[in-house]
């Protein structure tokens, strides 16, 4: 199945893939957050293998898109960062999954 653009031209489902999510590090972050209510920064860093700076950079991009919410607080005077998908992020990830399944289903 193909999607149509504003001119009525068909283009393949792969053209519909959300490139923000498709980047491997951000895909890992989104996938982990999709299956939990929330996760802390250190948990995601360990699970994804990303460095502190790399994870922070990708988090900022996902937050700017409105896909994740970042809550920073102090616990026992130590900084603690929690992340969770927003409703928009959850919907975007579901659409991404559906689009990817369609891409594979359309292969000969």
C-alpha atoms as a PDB file:
ATOM      1  CA  UNK A   1       0.000   0.000   0.000  1.00  0.00           C
ATOM      2  CA  UNK A   2       1.330   3.436  -0.898  1.00  0.00           C
ATOM      3  CA  UNK A   3       0.631   6.794   0.659  1.00  0.00           C
ATOM      4  CA  UNK A   4      -0.294   9.852  -1.372  1.00  0.00           C
ATOM      5  CA  UNK A   5       1.206  13.298  -1.046  1.00  0.00           C
ATOM      6  CA  UNK A   6      -0.673  16.576  -1.394  1.00  0.00           C
ATOM      7  CA  UNK A   7      -0.416  16.310  -5.195  1.00  0.00           C
ATOM      8  CA  UNK A   8      -2.059  12.875  -5.191  1.00  0.00           C
ATOM      9  CA  UNK A   9       1.193  11.125  -6.162  1.00  0.00           C
ATOM     10  CA  UNK A  10       1.843   7.747  -4.568  1.00  0.00           C
ATOM     11  CA  UNK A  11       5.084   7.137  -2.719  1.00  0.00           C
ATOM     12  CA  UNK A  12       6.327   4.044  -0.907  1.00  0.00           C
ATOM     13  CA  UNK A  13       5.633   3.532   2.828  1.00  0.00           C
ATOM     14  CA  UNK A  14       9.323   3.952   3.607  1.00  0.00           C
ATOM     15  CA  UNK A  15       8.928   7.622   2.701  1.00  0.00           C
ATOM     16  CA  UNK A  16       6.516   7.901   5.645  1.00  0.00           C
ATOM     17  CA  UNK A  17       9.061   6.695   8.235  1.00  0.00           C
ATOM     18  CA  UNK A  18       9.644   9.195  11.056  1.00  0.00           C
ATOM     19  CA  UNK A  19      13.354   9.919  10.623  1.00  0.00           C
ATOM     20  CA  UNK A  20      13.636  11.379  14.112  1.00  0.00           C
ATOM     21  CA  UNK A  21      12.668   8.013  15.602  1.00  0.00           C
ATOM     22  CA  UNK A  22      14.441   5.944  12.923  1.00  0.00           C
ATOM     23  CA  UNK A  23      17.933   7.035  14.067  1.00  0.00           C
ATOM     24  CA  UNK A  24      19.270   3.953  15.938  1.00  0.00           C
ATOM     25  CA  UNK A  25      20.011   5.585  19.305  1.00  0.00           C
ATOM     26  CA  UNK A  26      16.662   7.391  19.406  1.00  0.00           C
ATOM     27  CA  UNK A  27      14.883   4.216  18.299  1.00  0.00           C
ATOM     28  CA  UNK A  28      16.406   2.393  21.285  1.00  0.00           C
ATOM     29  CA  UNK A  29      15.345   5.163  23.668  1.00  0.00           C
ATOM     30  CA  UNK A  30      11.808   5.240  22.281  1.00  0.00           C
ATOM     31  CA  UNK A  31      11.519   1.435  22.348  1.00  0.00           C
ATOM     32  CA  UNK A  32      12.591   1.215  25.999  1.00  0.00           C
ATOM     33  CA  UNK A  33      10.248   4.034  27.005  1.00  0.00           C
ATOM     34  CA  UNK A  34       7.374   2.486  25.041  1.00  0.00           C
ATOM     35  CA  UNK A  35       7.273  -0.586  27.288  1.00  0.00           C
ATOM     36  CA  UNK A  36       7.634   1.164  30.664  1.00  0.00           C
ATOM     37  CA  UNK A  37       5.762   3.963  32.399  1.00  0.00           C
ATOM     38  CA  UNK A  38       9.017   5.878  32.905  1.00  0.00           C
ATOM     39  CA  UNK A  39      12.745   5.212  33.189  1.00  0.00           C
ATOM     40  CA  UNK A  40      15.618   7.006  34.809  1.00  0.00           C
ATOM     41  CA  UNK A  41      18.574   8.381  32.929  1.00  0.00           C
ATOM     42  CA  UNK A  42      21.128   5.892  34.310  1.00  0.00           C
ATOM     43  CA  UNK A  43      18.889   2.926  33.461  1.00  0.00           C
ATOM     44  CA  UNK A  44      18.604   4.116  29.848  1.00  0.00           C
ATOM     45  CA  UNK A  45      22.320   4.803  29.675  1.00  0.00           C
ATOM     46  CA  UNK A  46      23.097   1.235  30.795  1.00  0.00           C
ATOM     47  CA  UNK A  47      20.447  -0.374  28.577  1.00  0.00           C
ATOM     48  CA  UNK A  48      21.366   1.522  25.420  1.00  0.00           C
ATOM     49  CA  UNK A  49      25.141   1.657  25.896  1.00  0.00           C
ATOM     50  CA  UNK A  50      25.096   5.365  25.081  1.00  0.00           C
ATOM     51  CA  UNK A  51      27.449   7.791  26.792  1.00  0.00           C
ATOM     52  CA  UNK A  52      26.084  10.486  29.104  1.00  0.00           C
ATOM     53  CA  UNK A  53      26.547  13.198  26.470  1.00  0.00           C
ATOM     54  CA  UNK A  54      25.168  11.115  23.613  1.00  0.00           C
ATOM     55  CA  UNK A  55      22.040  10.136  25.568  1.00  0.00           C
ATOM     56  CA  UNK A  56      21.519  13.752  26.645  1.00  0.00           C
ATOM     57  CA  UNK A  57      21.790  14.946  23.046  1.00  0.00           C
ATOM     58  CA  UNK A  58      19.230  12.435  21.760  1.00  0.00           C
ATOM     59  CA  UNK A  59      16.909  13.142  24.708  1.00  0.00           C
ATOM     60  CA  UNK A  60      16.971  16.845  23.829  1.00  0.00           C
ATOM     61  CA  UNK A  61      15.913  16.127  20.242  1.00  0.00           C
ATOM     62  CA  UNK A  62      13.079  13.845  21.360  1.00  0.00           C
ATOM     63  CA  UNK A  63      11.958  16.388  23.954  1.00  0.00           C
ATOM     64  CA  UNK A  64      12.018  19.226  21.387  1.00  0.00           C
ATOM     65  CA  UNK A  65       9.750  17.120  19.141  1.00  0.00           C
ATOM     66  CA  UNK A  66       7.364  16.619  22.063  1.00  0.00           C
ATOM     67  CA  UNK A  67       7.955  12.855  22.096  1.00  0.00           C
ATOM     68  CA  UNK A  68       9.339  12.578  25.624  1.00  0.00           C
ATOM     69  CA  UNK A  69       8.967  14.407  28.898  1.00  0.00           C
ATOM     70  CA  UNK A  70      12.039  14.884  31.077  1.00  0.00           C
ATOM     71  CA  UNK A  71      11.595  15.409  34.813  1.00  0.00           C
ATOM     72  CA  UNK A  72      14.661  16.526  36.762  1.00  0.00           C
ATOM     73  CA  UNK A  73      14.678  16.482  40.538  1.00  0.00           C
ATOM     74  CA  UNK A  74      17.001  15.904  43.461  1.00  0.00           C
ATOM     75  CA  UNK A  75      16.899  12.714  45.524  1.00  0.00           C
ATOM     76  CA  UNK A  76      19.059  12.808  48.649  1.00  0.00           C
ATOM     77  CA  UNK A  77      20.724  15.937  47.217  1.00  0.00           C
ATOM     78  CA  UNK A  78      21.716  14.061  44.055  1.00  0.00           C
ATOM     79  CA  UNK A  79      20.314  14.950  40.623  1.00  0.00           C
ATOM     80  CA  UNK A  80      17.814  12.419  39.300  1.00  0.00           C
ATOM     81  CA  UNK A  81      16.397  12.508  35.763  1.00  0.00           C
ATOM     82  CA  UNK A  82      13.306  10.574  34.726  1.00  0.00           C
ATOM     83  CA  UNK A  83      12.026  10.183  31.178  1.00  0.00           C
ATOM     84  CA  UNK A  84       8.682   9.088  29.823  1.00  0.00           C
ATOM     85  CA  UNK A  85       6.902   9.084  26.504  1.00  0.00           C
ATOM     86  CA  UNK A  86       4.282  11.752  25.995  1.00  0.00           C
ATOM     87  CA  UNK A  87       0.970  10.861  24.358  1.00  0.00           C
ATOM     88  CA  UNK A  88       2.374  12.384  21.159  1.00  0.00           C
ATOM     89  CA  UNK A  89       5.527  10.247  21.484  1.00  0.00           C
ATOM     90  CA  UNK A  90       3.529   7.079  22.113  1.00  0.00           C
ATOM     91  CA  UNK A  91       1.358   7.780  19.047  1.00  0.00           C
ATOM     92  CA  UNK A  92       4.437   8.578  16.922  1.00  0.00           C
ATOM     93  CA  UNK A  93       6.117   5.332  17.974  1.00  0.00           C
ATOM     94  CA  UNK A  94       2.981   3.308  17.197  1.00  0.00           C
ATOM     95  CA  UNK A  95       2.796   4.953  13.758  1.00  0.00           C
ATOM     96  CA  UNK A  96       6.515   4.257  13.236  1.00  0.00           C
ATOM     97  CA  UNK A  97       6.005   0.569  14.077  1.00  0.00           C
ATOM     98  CA  UNK A  98       3.030   0.326  11.701  1.00  0.00           C
ATOM     99  CA  UNK A  99       4.967   2.058   8.927  1.00  0.00           C
ATOM    100  CA  UNK A 100       7.932  -0.284   9.357  1.00  0.00           C
ATOM    101  CA  UNK A 101       5.673  -3.344   9.315  1.00  0.00           C
ATOM    102  CA  UNK A 102       4.109  -2.043   6.098  1.00  0.00           C
ATOM    103  CA  UNK A 103       7.544  -1.568   4.542  1.00  0.00           C
ATOM    104  CA  UNK A 104       8.421  -5.209   5.269  1.00  0.00           C
ATOM    105  CA  UNK A 105       4.992  -6.509   4.242  1.00  0.00           C
ATOM    106  CA  UNK A 106       5.362  -4.768   0.860  1.00  0.00           C
ATOM    107  CA  UNK A 107       8.667  -6.481   0.047  1.00  0.00           C
ATOM    108  CA  UNK A 108       8.424  -9.041  -2.739  1.00  0.00           C
END
